[in-house]
Amino acid sequence: MNTTIESIAAAWSMAPKSVLPTQSDITGARWHCAGGRRTQPYVAPLFQNVHVVSLLLRGFTGECWLDGKTFYTGRVSANRLRVTPAGHVPSWRADGTVEMFHVYVPDSALRRQLAVLGYCGDASQNALRQTKYMSDPLLKNVMHRLAVIARVDGRLEERYLQTLEDTLLLHLLIHYGSSASVRVDSPVLPSAGVNLAIVAISTDLGTHLPISELAKVAGMSAAQFNRNFQKVTGFTPHQYRLQLRIEAAKAKLAGRNEKLATIADELGFTDQAHFTRTFRQFTGMSPGEFSTHCL
């Protein structure tokens, strides 16, 4: 188990319900914390170089503190999110059971992503800023997908996990980055433009974004985009999108009981037959066979 998760498990005297694969320096865990009769608050360890992104899977009523000062009091709904930058200590107490999924992001991972984007960060400043409990549909989508990967014990393609992690990093930097910690260092690199396009693809797999639209996101002409995309990923945009759709379908099949027609529609396939045919081409088995295999 990752040392960050181990330290939290020791502080809270519990083991996580599930954990993201530890091959990456970004990791995560699903926690199931008892409340009610517990009088002592849950206090997280101090992480000087690790940022925490929290997704509430079950709402609660309680008190929350940050560095010992009152942060929030009252009801927090399920699917609310919170970013706690490195160097801060969150703590909380609830009136009942709290279920949440945390992703632990090393500051070094954010700095590497900044470098890819052509920026240079000031190491004396936090890369992320503190947020209150909030709603963010894209971040919620990515966090739920990562939670599913943890629940199925990482039995999905590594490329899919890497895409989700890249999407998470870019979204955090774009929407929750500390402006004081970043300065322009060089022009945006081709690989950075491709990463931005990958974020656009993975954000809504059910929508077929045309090459012209993806090229605009990447800041390139269509011809440059196609060339750079294949150079960076080894696939055409269409092939890459299909791979992500199949991995997302695997997560849905392994994570909960959804109808095939619903999955096909959510992921942008023409119909259930098209989904089944494509799934078999990529995996060598039908969706039903894959579901049985995951049991």
C-alpha atoms as a PDB file:
ATOM      1  CA  MET A   1       0.000   0.000   0.000  1.00  0.00           C
ATOM      2  CA  ASN A   2       1.168   3.545  -0.750  1.00  0.00           C
ATOM      3  CA  THR A   3       2.865   5.282   2.211  1.00  0.00           C
ATOM      4  CA  THR A   4       0.395   8.192   2.053  1.00  0.00           C
ATOM      5  CA  ILE A   5      -2.539   5.816   2.414  1.00  0.00           C
ATOM      6  CA  GLU A   6      -0.733   3.837   5.100  1.00  0.00           C
ATOM      7  CA  SER A   7      -0.267   6.968   7.212  1.00  0.00           C
ATOM      8  CA  ILE A   8      -3.971   7.853   6.906  1.00  0.00           C
ATOM      9  CA  ALA A   9      -5.003   4.289   7.764  1.00  0.00           C
ATOM     10  CA  ALA A  10      -2.823   4.486  10.885  1.00  0.00           C
ATOM     11  CA  ALA A  11      -4.209   7.894  11.904  1.00  0.00           C
ATOM     12  CA  TRP A  12      -7.824   6.776  11.428  1.00  0.00           C
ATOM     13  CA  SER A  13      -7.304   3.217  12.725  1.00  0.00           C
ATOM     14  CA  MET A  14      -8.901   1.624   9.683  1.00  0.00           C
ATOM     15  CA  ALA A  15      -8.080   0.091   6.330  1.00  0.00           C
ATOM     16  CA  PRO A  16      -9.398   1.626   3.085  1.00  0.00           C
ATOM     17  CA  LYS A  17     -12.228  -0.197   1.327  1.00  0.00           C
ATOM     18  CA  SER A  18     -10.367  -0.063  -1.993  1.00  0.00           C
ATOM     19  CA  VAL A  19      -7.182   1.467  -3.377  1.00  0.00           C
ATOM     20  CA  LEU A  20      -6.065   2.701  -6.800  1.00  0.00           C
ATOM     21  CA  PRO A  21      -3.177   0.787  -8.415  1.00  0.00           C
ATOM     22  CA  THR A  22       0.137   1.973  -6.940  1.00  0.00           C
ATOM     23  CA  GLN A  23       2.248   1.880 -10.138  1.00  0.00           C
ATOM     24  CA  SER A  24       1.531   5.595 -10.541  1.00  0.00           C
ATOM     25  CA  ASP A  25       2.735   8.301  -8.167  1.00  0.00           C
ATOM     26  CA  ILE A  26      -0.902   9.458  -8.053  1.00  0.00           C
ATOM     27  CA  THR A  27      -2.937   7.155  -5.851  1.00  0.00           C
ATOM     28  CA  GLY A  28      -6.337   7.107  -4.207  1.00  0.00           C
ATOM     29  CA  ALA A  29      -8.494   5.276  -1.700  1.00  0.00           C
ATOM     30  CA  ARG A  30     -12.133   4.803  -0.790  1.00  0.00           C
ATOM     31  CA  TRP A  31     -12.853   5.284   2.904  1.00  0.00           C
ATOM     32  CA  HIS A  32     -15.851   4.174   4.958  1.00  0.00           C
ATOM     33  CA  CYS A  33     -15.748   6.129   8.224  1.00  0.00           C
ATOM     34  CA  ALA A  34     -18.115   5.519  11.141  1.00  0.00           C
ATOM     35  CA  GLY A  35     -19.621   8.570  12.807  1.00  0.00           C
ATOM     36  CA  GLY A  36     -22.469   8.982  15.256  1.00  0.00           C
ATOM     37  CA  ARG A  37     -21.148   7.793  18.622  1.00  0.00           C
ATOM     38  CA  ARG A  38     -17.538   8.628  17.789  1.00  0.00           C
ATOM     39  CA  THR A  39     -16.666  11.773  19.735  1.00  0.00           C
ATOM     40  CA  GLN A  40     -13.131  12.325  18.456  1.00  0.00           C
ATOM     41  CA  PRO A  41     -12.781  13.978  15.030  1.00  0.00           C
ATOM     42  CA  TYR A  42     -10.984  12.287  12.165  1.00  0.00           C
ATOM     43  CA  VAL A  43      -7.695  14.153  11.712  1.00  0.00           C
ATOM     44  CA  ALA A  44      -5.628  13.643   8.551  1.00  0.00           C
ATOM     45  CA  PRO A  45      -1.820  13.567   8.763  1.00  0.00           C
ATOM     46  CA  LEU A  46       0.120  16.612   7.560  1.00  0.00           C
ATOM     47  CA  PHE A  47       1.357  16.113   3.982  1.00  0.00           C
ATOM     48  CA  GLN A  48       3.877  18.758   2.978  1.00  0.00           C
ATOM     49  CA  ASN A  49       4.072  17.681  -0.670  1.00  0.00           C
ATOM     50  CA  VAL A  50       0.778  15.900  -1.382  1.00  0.00           C
ATOM     51  CA  HIS A  51      -2.512  17.545  -2.398  1.00  0.00           C
ATOM     52  CA  VAL A  52      -5.820  15.827  -1.597  1.00  0.00           C
ATOM     53  CA  VAL A  53      -8.915  15.817  -3.821  1.00  0.00           C
ATOM     54  CA  SER A  54     -12.017  14.534  -2.023  1.00  0.00           C
ATOM     55  CA  LEU A  55     -15.297  13.237  -3.454  1.00  0.00           C
ATOM     56  CA  LEU A  56     -18.153  12.535  -1.043  1.00  0.00           C
ATOM     57  CA  LEU A  57     -19.924   9.319  -2.000  1.00  0.00           C
ATOM     58  CA  ARG A  58     -22.429   9.698   0.835  1.00  0.00           C
ATOM     59  CA  GLY A  59     -23.573  12.989   2.327  1.00  0.00           C
ATOM     60  CA  PHE A  60     -23.267  13.844   6.013  1.00  0.00           C
ATOM     61  CA  THR A  61     -24.041  16.474   8.621  1.00  0.00           C
ATOM     62  CA  GLY A  62     -21.159  17.536  10.798  1.00  0.00           C
ATOM     63  CA  GLU A  63     -18.278  19.878  11.490  1.00  0.00           C
ATOM     64  CA  CYS A  64     -15.125  20.336   9.431  1.00  0.00           C
ATOM     65  CA  TRP A  65     -11.887  22.081  10.377  1.00  0.00           C
ATOM     66  CA  LEU A  66      -8.762  23.134   8.490  1.00  0.00           C
ATOM     67  CA  ASP A  67      -5.556  23.539  10.476  1.00  0.00           C
ATOM     68  CA  GLY A  68      -7.675  23.535  13.641  1.00  0.00           C
ATOM     69  CA  LYS A  69      -9.990  26.378  12.527  1.00  0.00           C
ATOM     70  CA  THR A  70     -13.673  25.917  11.670  1.00  0.00           C
ATOM     71  CA  PHE A  71     -14.011  25.315   7.944  1.00  0.00           C
ATOM     72  CA  TYR A  72     -17.643  24.241   7.546  1.00  0.00           C
ATOM     73  CA  THR A  73     -20.621  23.343   9.742  1.00  0.00           C
ATOM     74  CA  GLY A  74     -23.846  21.769   8.487  1.00  0.00           C
ATOM     75  CA  ARG A  75     -25.011  19.377   5.801  1.00  0.00           C
ATOM     76  CA  VAL A  76     -22.723  18.349   2.931  1.00  0.00           C
ATOM     77  CA  SER A  77     -24.430  16.560   0.025  1.00  0.00           C
ATOM     78  CA  ALA A  78     -23.135  13.512  -1.821  1.00  0.00           C
ATOM     79  CA  ASN A  79     -21.001  14.213  -4.916  1.00  0.00           C
ATOM     80  CA  ARG A  80     -19.557  17.387  -3.427  1.00  0.00           C
ATOM     81  CA  LEU A  81     -15.841  17.866  -3.951  1.00  0.00           C
ATOM     82  CA  ARG A  82     -13.036  19.564  -2.075  1.00  0.00           C
ATOM     83  CA  VAL A  83      -9.388  20.358  -2.826  1.00  0.00           C
ATOM     84  CA  THR A  84      -6.985  20.512   0.115  1.00  0.00           C
ATOM     85  CA  PRO A  85      -3.525  21.785  -0.885  1.00  0.00           C
ATOM     86  CA  ALA A  86      -0.336  20.297   0.518  1.00  0.00           C
ATOM     87  CA  GLY A  87       0.741  21.654   3.888  1.00  0.00           C
ATOM     88  CA  HIS A  88      -2.746  21.795   5.422  1.00  0.00           C
ATOM     89  CA  VAL A  89      -4.455  19.468   7.918  1.00  0.00           C
ATOM     90  CA  PRO A  90      -8.186  18.789   7.424  1.00  0.00           C
ATOM     91  CA  SER A  91     -10.263  17.229  10.181  1.00  0.00           C
ATOM     92  CA  TRP A  92     -13.963  16.468  10.604  1.00  0.00           C
ATOM     93  CA  ARG A  93     -16.661  14.854  12.706  1.00  0.00           C
ATOM     94  CA  ALA A  94     -20.007  13.554  11.376  1.00  0.00           C
ATOM     95  CA  ASP A  95     -23.360  12.440  12.758  1.00  0.00           C
ATOM     96  CA  GLY A  96     -23.277   9.181  10.807  1.00  0.00           C
ATOM     97  CA  THR A  97     -21.270   7.041   8.433  1.00  0.00           C
ATOM     98  CA  VAL A  98     -19.280   8.937   5.821  1.00  0.00           C
ATOM     99  CA  GLU A  99     -18.174   7.332   2.574  1.00  0.00           C
ATOM    100  CA  MET A 100     -15.654   9.180   0.428  1.00  0.00           C
ATOM    101  CA  PHE A 101     -13.044   8.708  -2.259  1.00  0.00           C
ATOM    102  CA  HIS A 102      -9.748  10.574  -2.024  1.00  0.00           C
ATOM    103  CA  VAL A 103      -7.087  11.053  -4.677  1.00  0.00           C
ATOM    104  CA  TYR A 104      -3.609  11.951  -3.442  1.00  0.00           C
ATOM    105  CA  VAL A 105      -1.645  14.072  -5.917  1.00  0.00           C
ATOM    106  CA  PRO A 106       2.082  14.631  -5.289  1.00  0.00           C
ATOM    107  CA  ASP A 107       3.174  18.187  -5.928  1.00  0.00           C
ATOM    108  CA  SER A 108       5.889  16.777  -8.212  1.00  0.00           C
ATOM    109  CA  ALA A 109       3.206  15.346 -10.540  1.00  0.00           C
ATOM    110  CA  LEU A 110       1.611  18.782 -10.921  1.00  0.00           C
ATOM    111  CA  ARG A 111       5.003  20.404 -11.543  1.00  0.00           C
ATOM    112  CA  ARG A 112       5.756  17.871 -14.300  1.00  0.00           C
ATOM    113  CA  GLN A 113       2.417  18.631 -15.932  1.00  0.00           C
ATOM    114  CA  LEU A 114       3.162  22.363 -15.740  1.00  0.00           C
ATOM    115  CA  ALA A 115       6.468  21.744 -17.512  1.00  0.00           C
ATOM    116  CA  VAL A 116       4.694  19.807 -20.264  1.00  0.00           C
ATOM    117  CA  LEU A 117       2.350  22.755 -20.734  1.00  0.00           C
ATOM    118  CA  GLY A 118       5.315  25.098 -21.082  1.00  0.00           C
ATOM    119  CA  TYR A 119       5.063  26.726 -17.667  1.00  0.00           C
ATOM    120  CA  CYS A 120       7.464  26.927 -14.780  1.00  0.00           C
ATOM    121  CA  GLY A 121       6.165  26.801 -11.235  1.00  0.00           C
ATOM    122  CA  ASP A 122       7.517  28.678  -8.222  1.00  0.00           C
ATOM    123  CA  ALA A 123       8.362  25.887  -5.783  1.00  0.00           C
ATOM    124  CA  SER A 124       7.840  28.247  -2.829  1.00  0.00           C
ATOM    125  CA  GLN A 125       4.133  28.560  -3.672  1.00  0.00           C
ATOM    126  CA  ASN A 126       1.413  25.897  -3.486  1.00  0.00           C
ATOM    127  CA  ALA A 127       0.465  24.629  -6.940  1.00  0.00           C
ATOM    128  CA  LEU A 128      -3.223  24.385  -5.917  1.00  0.00           C
ATOM    129  CA  ARG A 129      -5.536  26.614  -3.924  1.00  0.00           C
ATOM    130  CA  GLN A 130      -7.891  25.595  -1.134  1.00  0.00           C
ATOM    131  CA  THR A 131     -11.582  25.144  -2.010  1.00  0.00           C
ATOM    132  CA  LYS A 132     -14.754  24.729  -0.003  1.00  0.00           C
ATOM    133  CA  TYR A 133     -17.143  21.869  -0.732  1.00  0.00           C
ATOM    134  CA  MET A 134     -18.233  22.467  -4.305  1.00  0.00           C
ATOM    135  CA  SER A 135     -19.905  21.070  -7.410  1.00  0.00           C
ATOM    136  CA  ASP A 136     -17.765  20.389 -10.499  1.00  0.00           C
ATOM    137  CA  PRO A 137     -19.346  17.990 -13.049  1.00  0.00           C
ATOM    138  CA  LEU A 138     -16.119  17.227 -14.934  1.00  0.00           C
ATOM    139  CA  LEU A 139     -14.050  16.645 -11.796  1.00  0.00           C
ATOM    140  CA  LYS A 140     -16.847  14.512 -10.340  1.00  0.00           C
ATOM    141  CA  ASN A 141     -16.905  12.432 -13.536  1.00  0.00           C
ATOM    142  CA  VAL A 142     -13.146  11.773 -13.410  1.00  0.00           C
ATOM    143  CA  MET A 143     -13.196  11.009  -9.674  1.00  0.00           C
ATOM    144  CA  HIS A 144     -16.066   8.533 -10.047  1.00  0.00           C
ATOM    145  CA  ARG A 145     -14.201   6.752 -12.859  1.00  0.00           C
ATOM    146  CA  LEU A 146     -11.080   6.514 -10.705  1.00  0.00           C
ATOM    147  CA  ALA A 147     -13.196   5.191  -7.825  1.00  0.00           C
ATOM    148  CA  VAL A 148     -14.529   2.447 -10.110  1.00  0.00           C
ATOM    149  CA  ILE A 149     -10.972   1.482 -11.110  1.00  0.00           C
ATOM    150  CA  ALA A 150     -10.104   1.162  -7.418  1.00  0.00           C
ATOM    151  CA  ARG A 151     -13.213  -0.958  -6.827  1.00  0.00           C
ATOM    152  CA  VAL A 152     -12.372  -3.391  -9.635  1.00  0.00           C
ATOM    153  CA  ASP A 153      -8.783  -3.638  -8.357  1.00  0.00           C
ATOM    154  CA  GLY A 154      -7.213  -1.946 -11.368  1.00  0.00           C
ATOM    155  CA  ARG A 155      -8.346  -4.566 -13.884  1.00  0.00           C
ATOM    156  CA  LEU A 156      -8.418  -2.063 -16.735  1.00  0.00           C
ATOM    157  CA  GLU A 157      -5.896  -0.942 -19.318  1.00  0.00           C
ATOM    158  CA  GLU A 158      -3.062   1.186 -17.911  1.00  0.00           C
ATOM    159  CA  ARG A 159      -3.568   3.697 -20.759  1.00  0.00           C
ATOM    160  CA  TYR A 160      -7.114   4.395 -19.527  1.00  0.00           C
ATOM    161  CA  LEU A 161      -5.893   5.080 -15.992  1.00  0.00           C
ATOM    162  CA  GLN A 162      -3.115   7.321 -17.335  1.00  0.00           C
ATOM    163  CA  THR A 163      -5.612   9.315 -19.408  1.00  0.00           C
ATOM    164  CA  LEU A 164      -7.830   9.861 -16.361  1.00  0.00           C
ATOM    165  CA  GLU A 165      -4.831  10.958 -14.302  1.00  0.00           C
ATOM    166  CA  ASP A 166      -3.696  13.390 -17.011  1.00  0.00           C
ATOM    167  CA  THR A 167      -7.228  14.772 -17.253  1.00  0.00           C
ATOM    168  CA  LEU A 168      -7.329  15.203 -13.473  1.00  0.00           C
ATOM    169  CA  LEU A 169      -3.991  17.042 -13.376  1.00  0.00           C
ATOM    170  CA  LEU A 170      -4.873  19.385 -16.231  1.00  0.00           C
ATOM    171  CA  HIS A 171      -8.293  20.164 -14.776  1.00  0.00           C
ATOM    172  CA  LEU A 172      -6.833  20.877 -11.323  1.00  0.00           C
ATOM    173  CA  LEU A 173      -4.179  23.192 -12.759  1.00  0.00           C
ATOM    174  CA  ILE A 174      -6.587  25.031 -15.067  1.00  0.00           C
ATOM    175  CA  HIS A 175      -9.416  25.507 -12.558  1.00  0.00           C
ATOM    176  CA  TYR A 176      -7.790  25.288  -9.109  1.00  0.00           C
ATOM    177  CA  GLY A 177      -4.192  26.257  -9.768  1.00  0.00           C
ATOM    178  CA  SER A 178      -2.627  29.009  -7.720  1.00  0.00           C
ATOM    179  CA  SER A 179      -1.833  31.809 -10.187  1.00  0.00           C
ATOM    180  CA  ALA A 180       0.999  32.987  -7.938  1.00  0.00           C
ATOM    181  CA  SER A 181       2.769  29.654  -8.366  1.00  0.00           C
ATOM    182  CA  VAL A 182       2.923  29.642 -12.192  1.00  0.00           C
ATOM    183  CA  ARG A 183       4.714  31.761 -14.787  1.00  0.00           C
ATOM    184  CA  VAL A 184       5.118  31.376 -18.531  1.00  0.00           C
ATOM    185  CA  ASP A 185       8.451  29.731 -19.353  1.00  0.00           C
ATOM    186  CA  SER A 186       8.176  28.619 -22.999  1.00  0.00           C
ATOM    187  CA  PRO A 187       5.645  28.274 -25.844  1.00  0.00           C
ATOM    188  CA  VAL A 188       3.082  25.507 -25.442  1.00  0.00           C
ATOM    189  CA  LEU A 189       4.580  22.251 -26.732  1.00  0.00           C
ATOM    190  CA  PRO A 190       2.826  20.010 -29.298  1.00  0.00           C
ATOM    191  CA  SER A 191       2.461  17.290 -26.651  1.00  0.00           C
ATOM    192  CA  ALA A 192       0.673  19.794 -24.399  1.00  0.00           C
ATOM    193  CA  GLY A 193      -1.823  20.559 -27.180  1.00  0.00           C
ATOM    194  CA  VAL A 194      -2.441  16.838 -27.644  1.00  0.00           C
ATOM    195  CA  ASN A 195      -2.997  16.457 -23.887  1.00  0.00           C
ATOM    196  CA  LEU A 196      -5.598  19.222 -23.976  1.00  0.00           C
ATOM    197  CA  ALA A 197      -7.358  17.405 -26.821  1.00  0.00           C
ATOM    198  CA  ILE A 198      -7.254  14.154 -24.840  1.00  0.00           C
ATOM    199  CA  VAL A 199      -8.943  15.958 -21.954  1.00  0.00           C
ATOM    200  CA  ALA A 200     -11.670  17.130 -24.362  1.00  0.00           C
ATOM    201  CA  ILE A 201     -12.146  13.566 -25.648  1.00  0.00           C
ATOM    202  CA  SER A 202     -12.189  11.877 -22.256  1.00  0.00           C
ATOM    203  CA  THR A 203     -14.462  14.478 -20.659  1.00  0.00           C
ATOM    204  CA  ASP A 204     -17.403  13.380 -22.796  1.00  0.00           C
ATOM    205  CA  LEU A 205     -16.836  10.017 -24.460  1.00  0.00           C
ATOM    206  CA  GLY A 206     -20.412   9.965 -25.718  1.00  0.00           C
ATOM    207  CA  THR A 207     -19.825  12.923 -28.019  1.00  0.00           C
ATOM    208  CA  HIS A 208     -17.958  12.541 -31.298  1.00  0.00           C
ATOM    209  CA  LEU A 209     -15.869  15.699 -31.510  1.00  0.00           C
ATOM    210  CA  PRO A 210     -14.700  16.285 -35.114  1.00  0.00           C
ATOM    211  CA  ILE A 211     -10.994  16.608 -35.891  1.00  0.00           C
ATOM    212  CA  SER A 212     -11.448  20.310 -36.649  1.00  0.00           C
ATOM    213  CA  GLU A 213     -12.788  20.892 -33.128  1.00  0.00           C
ATOM    214  CA  LEU A 214     -10.038  18.859 -31.457  1.00  0.00           C
ATOM    215  CA  ALA A 215      -7.395  20.668 -33.529  1.00  0.00           C
ATOM    216  CA  LYS A 216      -8.810  23.984 -32.342  1.00  0.00           C
ATOM    217  CA  VAL A 217      -8.572  22.827 -28.712  1.00  0.00           C
ATOM    218  CA  ALA A 218      -4.954  21.785 -29.339  1.00  0.00           C
ATOM    219  CA  GLY A 219      -4.124  25.075 -31.062  1.00  0.00           C
ATOM    220  CA  MET A 220      -3.049  23.431 -34.335  1.00  0.00           C
ATOM    221  CA  SER A 221      -4.224  22.926 -37.877  1.00  0.00           C
ATOM    222  CA  ALA A 222      -6.085  19.652 -38.547  1.00  0.00           C
ATOM    223  CA  ALA A 223      -3.079  18.205 -40.391  1.00  0.00           C
ATOM    224  CA  GLN A 224      -0.656  19.169 -37.600  1.00  0.00           C
ATOM    225  CA  PHE A 225      -3.014  17.785 -35.001  1.00  0.00           C
ATOM    226  CA  ASN A 226      -3.392  14.387 -36.686  1.00  0.00           C
ATOM    227  CA  ARG A 227       0.372  14.122 -37.105  1.00  0.00           C
ATOM    228  CA  ASN A 228       1.194  15.171 -33.523  1.00  0.00           C
ATOM    229  CA  PHE A 229      -1.571  13.089 -31.985  1.00  0.00           C
ATOM    230  CA  GLN A 230      -0.274   9.892 -33.586  1.00  0.00           C
ATOM    231  CA  LYS A 231       3.302  10.808 -32.665  1.00  0.00           C
ATOM    232  CA  VAL A 232       2.399  11.318 -28.990  1.00  0.00           C
ATOM    233  CA  THR A 233      -0.125   8.479 -28.501  1.00  0.00           C
ATOM    234  CA  GLY A 234       0.645   5.990 -31.281  1.00  0.00           C
ATOM    235  CA  PHE A 235      -3.012   6.071 -32.368  1.00  0.00           C
ATOM    236  CA  THR A 236      -5.314   8.139 -34.532  1.00  0.00           C
ATOM    237  CA  PRO A 237      -7.820  10.274 -32.577  1.00  0.00           C
ATOM    238  CA  HIS A 238     -10.619   7.868 -33.619  1.00  0.00           C
ATOM    239  CA  GLN A 239      -8.687   4.796 -32.436  1.00  0.00           C
ATOM    240  CA  TYR A 240      -7.800   6.490 -29.168  1.00  0.00           C
ATOM    241  CA  ARG A 241     -11.403   7.524 -28.522  1.00  0.00           C
ATOM    242  CA  LEU A 242     -12.608   3.975 -29.176  1.00  0.00           C
ATOM    243  CA  GLN A 243     -10.054   2.572 -26.741  1.00  0.00           C
ATOM    244  CA  LEU A 244     -11.197   4.978 -24.042  1.00  0.00           C
ATOM    245  CA  ARG A 245     -14.831   4.095 -24.708  1.00  0.00           C
ATOM    246  CA  ILE A 246     -14.108   0.382 -24.354  1.00  0.00           C
ATOM    247  CA  GLU A 247     -12.194   0.934 -21.102  1.00  0.00           C
ATOM    248  CA  ALA A 248     -15.050   3.088 -19.774  1.00  0.00           C
ATOM    249  CA  ALA A 249     -17.461   0.299 -20.778  1.00  0.00           C
ATOM    250  CA  LYS A 250     -15.339  -2.237 -18.865  1.00  0.00           C
ATOM    251  CA  ALA A 251     -15.534  -0.035 -15.778  1.00  0.00           C
ATOM    252  CA  LYS A 252     -19.317   0.228 -16.090  1.00  0.00           C
ATOM    253  CA  LEU A 253     -19.695  -3.523 -16.635  1.00  0.00           C
ATOM    254  CA  ALA A 254     -17.478  -4.348 -13.666  1.00  0.00           C
ATOM    255  CA  GLY A 255     -18.704  -1.604 -11.373  1.00  0.00           C
ATOM    256  CA  ARG A 256     -22.483  -1.756 -11.488  1.00  0.00           C
ATOM    257  CA  ASN A 257     -25.425  -3.421 -13.188  1.00  0.00           C
ATOM    258  CA  GLU A 258     -26.249  -1.244 -16.217  1.00  0.00           C
ATOM    259  CA  LYS A 259     -28.116  -2.383 -19.294  1.00  0.00           C
ATOM    260  CA  LEU A 260     -25.986  -2.812 -22.403  1.00  0.00           C
ATOM    261  CA  ALA A 261     -28.221  -0.480 -24.380  1.00  0.00           C
ATOM    262  CA  THR A 262     -27.708   2.246 -21.743  1.00  0.00           C
ATOM    263  CA  ILE A 263     -23.926   1.821 -21.802  1.00  0.00           C
ATOM    264  CA  ALA A 264     -23.917   1.912 -25.607  1.00  0.00           C
ATOM    265  CA  ASP A 265     -25.914   5.141 -25.624  1.00  0.00           C
ATOM    266  CA  GLU A 266     -23.830   6.822 -22.886  1.00  0.00           C
ATOM    267  CA  LEU A 267     -20.568   6.055 -24.689  1.00  0.00           C
ATOM    268  CA  GLY A 268     -21.631   7.185 -28.140  1.00  0.00           C
ATOM    269  CA  PHE A 269     -22.153   3.857 -29.941  1.00  0.00           C
ATOM    270  CA  THR A 270     -24.834   3.724 -32.631  1.00  0.00           C
ATOM    271  CA  ASP A 271     -26.740   0.965 -30.838  1.00  0.00           C
ATOM    272  CA  GLN A 272     -26.230  -2.097 -28.642  1.00  0.00           C
ATOM    273  CA  ALA A 273     -25.159  -4.248 -31.606  1.00  0.00           C
ATOM    274  CA  HIS A 274     -22.492  -1.722 -32.594  1.00  0.00           C
ATOM    275  CA  PHE A 275     -21.256  -1.618 -28.979  1.00  0.00           C
ATOM    276  CA  THR A 276     -21.142  -5.423 -28.682  1.00  0.00           C
ATOM    277  CA  ARG A 277     -19.332  -5.816 -31.993  1.00  0.00           C
ATOM    278  CA  THR A 278     -16.709  -3.170 -31.140  1.00  0.00           C
ATOM    279  CA  PHE A 279     -16.253  -4.518 -27.609  1.00  0.00           C
ATOM    280  CA  ARG A 280     -15.535  -8.000 -28.992  1.00  0.00           C
ATOM    281  CA  GLN A 281     -13.034  -6.592 -31.511  1.00  0.00           C
ATOM    282  CA  PHE A 282     -11.049  -4.941 -28.722  1.00  0.00           C
ATOM    283  CA  THR A 283     -11.326  -7.574 -25.976  1.00  0.00           C
ATOM    284  CA  GLY A 284     -12.010 -10.881 -27.709  1.00  0.00           C
ATOM    285  CA  MET A 285     -15.191 -11.405 -25.694  1.00  0.00           C
ATOM    286  CA  SER A 286     -18.721 -10.053 -25.534  1.00  0.00           C
ATOM    287  CA  PRO A 287     -19.782  -7.529 -22.839  1.00  0.00           C
ATOM    288  CA  GLY A 288     -21.767 -10.282 -21.121  1.00  0.00           C
ATOM    289  CA  GLU A 289     -18.758 -12.602 -21.065  1.00  0.00           C
ATOM    290  CA  PHE A 290     -16.606  -9.803 -19.652  1.00  0.00           C
ATOM    291  CA  SER A 291     -19.143  -9.138 -16.852  1.00  0.00           C
ATOM    292  CA  THR A 292     -19.147 -12.829 -15.943  1.00  0.00           C
ATOM    293  CA  HIS A 293     -15.341 -12.861 -15.979  1.00  0.00           C
ATOM    294  CA  CYS A 294     -15.264  -9.956 -13.479  1.00  0.00           C
ATOM    295  CA  LEU A 295     -17.450 -11.696 -10.907  1.00  0.00           C
END
